[in-house]
Protein backbone atom coordinates (compact mmCIF):
# COMPACT_ATOMS: atom_id res chain seq x y z
CA MET A 1 18.34 5.59 97.43
CA THR A 2 21.11 7.73 96.07
CA SER A 3 21.96 11.10 97.43
CA GLY A 4 22.99 14.18 95.49
CA LEU A 5 23.77 12.69 92.08
CA PHE A 6 21.66 11.06 89.41
CA ARG A 7 21.54 7.30 89.69
CA ARG A 8 23.34 5.59 86.79
CA CYS A 9 21.24 2.85 85.18
CA LYS A 10 23.05 -0.46 84.70
CA GLN A 11 21.51 -1.30 81.32
CA SER A 12 22.76 1.81 79.55
CA ASN A 13 24.74 4.95 79.98
CA TYR A 14 22.12 7.43 81.21
CA PHE A 15 20.93 8.84 84.49
CA LEU A 16 17.51 8.45 86.04
CA MET A 17 15.65 10.98 88.13
CA ASN A 18 12.68 10.08 90.30
CA ILE A 19 10.08 12.80 90.73
CA PHE A 20 7.55 12.30 93.53
CA LEU A 21 4.45 14.49 93.67
CA LEU A 22 2.41 14.80 96.87
CA ARG A 23 -0.85 16.68 97.13
CA HIS A 24 -1.34 18.59 100.37
CA GLY A 25 -3.53 17.06 103.07
CA ILE A 26 -7.12 17.88 104.01
CA ALA A 27 -7.41 21.59 104.75
CA VAL A 28 -10.08 23.88 106.16
CA ASP A 29 -12.74 24.70 103.59
CA PRO A 30 -12.50 27.86 101.49
CA GLY A 31 -14.44 30.69 103.10
CA THR A 32 -13.89 29.38 106.65
CA ALA A 33 -13.89 32.23 109.17
CA GLY A 34 -10.39 33.42 109.97
CA PHE A 35 -8.95 32.35 106.61
CA ASP A 36 -9.41 35.34 104.33
CA LYS A 37 -6.99 34.16 101.67
CA ASP A 38 -6.78 30.74 100.03
CA SER A 39 -3.04 30.73 100.72
CA GLU A 40 -3.70 30.94 104.49
CA ARG A 41 -5.86 27.82 104.81
CA THR A 42 -4.36 25.29 107.21
CA LEU A 43 -4.57 21.53 107.50
CA THR A 44 -7.37 20.16 109.63
CA PRO A 45 -6.52 17.85 112.56
CA LYS A 46 -7.81 14.96 110.43
CA GLY A 47 -5.60 16.12 107.56
CA GLU A 48 -2.57 16.14 109.85
CA ARG A 49 -3.35 12.63 111.17
CA LYS A 50 -3.70 11.25 107.66
CA LEU A 51 -0.44 12.87 106.58
CA TRP A 52 1.41 11.23 109.45
CA GLN A 53 0.10 7.91 108.07
CA VAL A 54 1.34 8.92 104.61
CA ALA A 55 4.72 9.78 106.16
CA ASP A 56 4.79 6.39 107.93
CA ALA A 57 4.09 4.67 104.60
CA MET A 58 6.85 6.67 102.91
CA PHE A 59 9.22 5.63 105.69
CA ALA A 60 8.15 1.97 105.29
CA MET A 61 8.83 2.27 101.54
CA LYS A 62 12.32 3.58 102.42
CA LEU A 63 11.78 6.77 100.44
CA SER A 64 14.29 9.55 100.83
CA PHE A 65 14.75 12.76 98.89
CA ASP A 66 17.67 14.90 97.82
CA ALA A 67 15.31 17.90 97.74
CA ILE A 68 11.77 18.66 98.91
CA PHE A 69 10.08 21.58 97.17
CA THR A 70 6.78 22.90 98.47
CA SER A 71 4.25 25.54 97.61
CA PRO A 72 4.44 28.38 100.14
CA TYR A 73 0.68 28.09 100.79
CA VAL A 74 0.22 27.15 104.47
CA ARG A 75 -1.50 23.78 103.90
CA ALA A 76 1.21 22.63 101.48
CA ARG A 77 4.02 23.87 103.71
CA GLN A 78 2.47 22.04 106.70
CA THR A 79 2.25 18.89 104.56
CA ALA A 80 5.91 19.18 103.55
CA ASP A 81 6.93 19.91 107.15
CA ILE A 82 5.28 16.67 108.35
CA ILE A 83 7.00 14.59 105.67
CA ALA A 84 10.37 16.28 106.21
CA GLU A 85 10.14 15.77 109.97
CA ALA A 86 9.09 12.12 109.68
CA LEU A 87 11.90 11.33 107.23
CA ASP A 88 14.46 13.55 109.01
CA LEU A 89 14.91 15.72 105.91
CA ARG A 90 14.11 19.20 107.27
CA LYS A 91 17.32 20.65 105.76
CA LYS A 92 16.22 19.52 102.27
CA LEU A 93 12.96 21.54 102.39
CA GLN A 94 12.52 24.66 100.28
CA GLU A 95 9.53 26.79 99.27
CA VAL A 96 9.07 27.30 95.53
CA ASP A 97 6.50 29.77 94.18
CA HIS A 98 6.11 27.70 90.99
CA LEU A 99 4.21 25.07 93.03
CA THR A 100 1.39 27.48 93.91
CA PRO A 101 -1.92 27.03 92.05
CA GLY A 102 -1.36 28.27 88.52
CA GLY A 103 2.44 28.22 88.92
CA SER A 104 4.71 27.79 85.92
CA ALA A 105 5.61 24.17 85.13
CA ARG A 106 8.42 25.39 82.87
CA ARG A 107 9.99 27.46 85.66
CA LEU A 108 9.53 24.64 88.18
CA ILE A 109 11.43 22.29 85.86
CA GLU A 110 14.15 24.92 85.37
CA THR A 111 14.43 25.28 89.15
CA ILE A 112 14.82 21.53 89.65
CA ASN A 113 17.35 21.27 86.83
CA SER A 114 19.40 24.16 88.23
CA ILE A 115 20.23 22.33 91.47
CA LYS A 116 23.93 21.55 91.75
CA PRO A 117 24.84 18.86 92.33
CA ALA A 118 21.91 17.39 90.42
CA VAL A 119 19.25 15.55 92.41
CA ALA A 120 18.14 11.99 91.81
CA GLU A 121 15.12 11.97 94.13
CA VAL A 122 12.90 15.05 94.43
CA LEU A 123 9.57 15.50 96.22
CA LEU A 124 7.16 18.20 95.03
CA VAL A 125 4.34 19.20 97.40
CA GLY A 126 1.52 21.20 95.88
CA HIS A 127 -2.07 21.60 94.80
CA GLU A 128 -4.67 20.42 92.34
CA PRO A 129 -5.17 20.78 89.46
CA SER A 130 -1.55 21.90 89.03
CA LEU A 131 -0.01 18.58 90.11
CA SER A 132 -2.23 16.52 87.80
CA GLU A 133 -1.45 18.88 84.95
CA LEU A 134 2.28 18.52 85.65
CA ILE A 135 2.00 14.71 85.69
CA SER A 136 0.07 14.82 82.41
CA LEU A 137 2.61 17.18 80.83
CA LEU A 138 5.57 15.03 81.84
CA ILE A 139 4.06 11.69 80.75
CA SER A 140 2.16 12.76 77.62
CA GLY A 141 3.63 16.08 76.53
CA ASP A 142 0.35 17.91 77.10
CA THR A 143 -2.10 18.52 79.95
CA PRO A 144 -5.38 16.87 78.86
CA ALA A 145 -4.68 13.44 80.42
CA SER A 146 -7.01 12.90 83.34
CA VAL A 147 -5.11 12.15 86.56
CA LEU A 148 -6.77 12.10 89.97
CA MET A 149 -4.60 13.24 92.87
CA LYS A 150 -6.48 12.84 96.13
CA LYS A 151 -5.48 14.99 99.10
CA GLY A 152 -2.45 13.22 100.54
CA GLY A 153 -1.99 11.17 97.35
CA LEU A 154 1.53 10.38 96.16
CA CYS A 155 2.77 9.81 92.60
CA LYS A 156 6.14 8.59 91.34
CA LEU A 157 7.51 9.49 87.91
CA SER A 158 10.92 8.60 86.49
CA ALA A 159 12.77 10.52 83.78
CA ASP A 160 16.08 10.24 81.96
CA SER A 161 16.17 14.01 81.80
CA LEU A 162 13.58 16.40 83.19
CA GLN A 163 12.23 18.78 80.56
CA HIS A 164 9.06 20.67 79.70
CA GLY A 165 7.03 18.11 77.75
CA ARG A 166 6.94 14.35 77.45
CA CYS A 167 9.97 13.03 79.32
CA ALA A 168 8.74 10.83 82.17
CA THR A 169 7.17 7.47 82.90
CA LEU A 170 4.43 7.02 85.47
CA GLU A 171 5.77 4.44 87.93
CA TRP A 172 2.83 4.50 90.37
CA LEU A 173 0.08 6.59 91.91
CA LEU A 174 -1.04 5.85 95.47
CA MET A 175 -4.18 7.07 97.15
CA PRO A 176 -4.03 8.05 100.85
CA LYS A 177 -6.11 4.99 101.83
CA GLN A 178 -3.57 2.70 100.18
CA MET A 179 -0.74 4.46 101.98
CA GLY A 180 -2.63 4.17 105.28
CA LEU A 181 -2.65 0.39 104.81
CA MET A 182 1.10 0.43 104.25
CA ALA A 183 1.86 2.44 107.41
């Protein structure tokens, strides 16, 4: 993995960015006593255990990130914290409001593109249906493509240049059970 700068492709003279999208882990159900706001819902113990398996799989795949952006909602932040701790990337972690449910894809892309030096490997931790809509937007130019992101699921996209609209290729989409087998 490269660090800090876009990776130059050998076949041609362009740079490649890898965008990884991770849905938060299993959280307490909406309406659970003690969690008045959706943004306050935490991961369940089972959700935490499964995310450690996801983190182990990411470590086994030798994934590393130049930046980790997370929704500030508690369950997403806890998810990002587990991954950052497991991969020793706590200093790369940053909350971004554009990853909250209903956040702006355009502003998220602007935020990623504004990082200097540019990043080659970025992890986005967020929620459904926003993550699926972002995947659809980046691979098809619109949001109607049906993508299923399970809780704890991980997707990899690659792009020559990150922009609002069709710019990326879907490399893979892993379900948490698949990642558990890799751990």
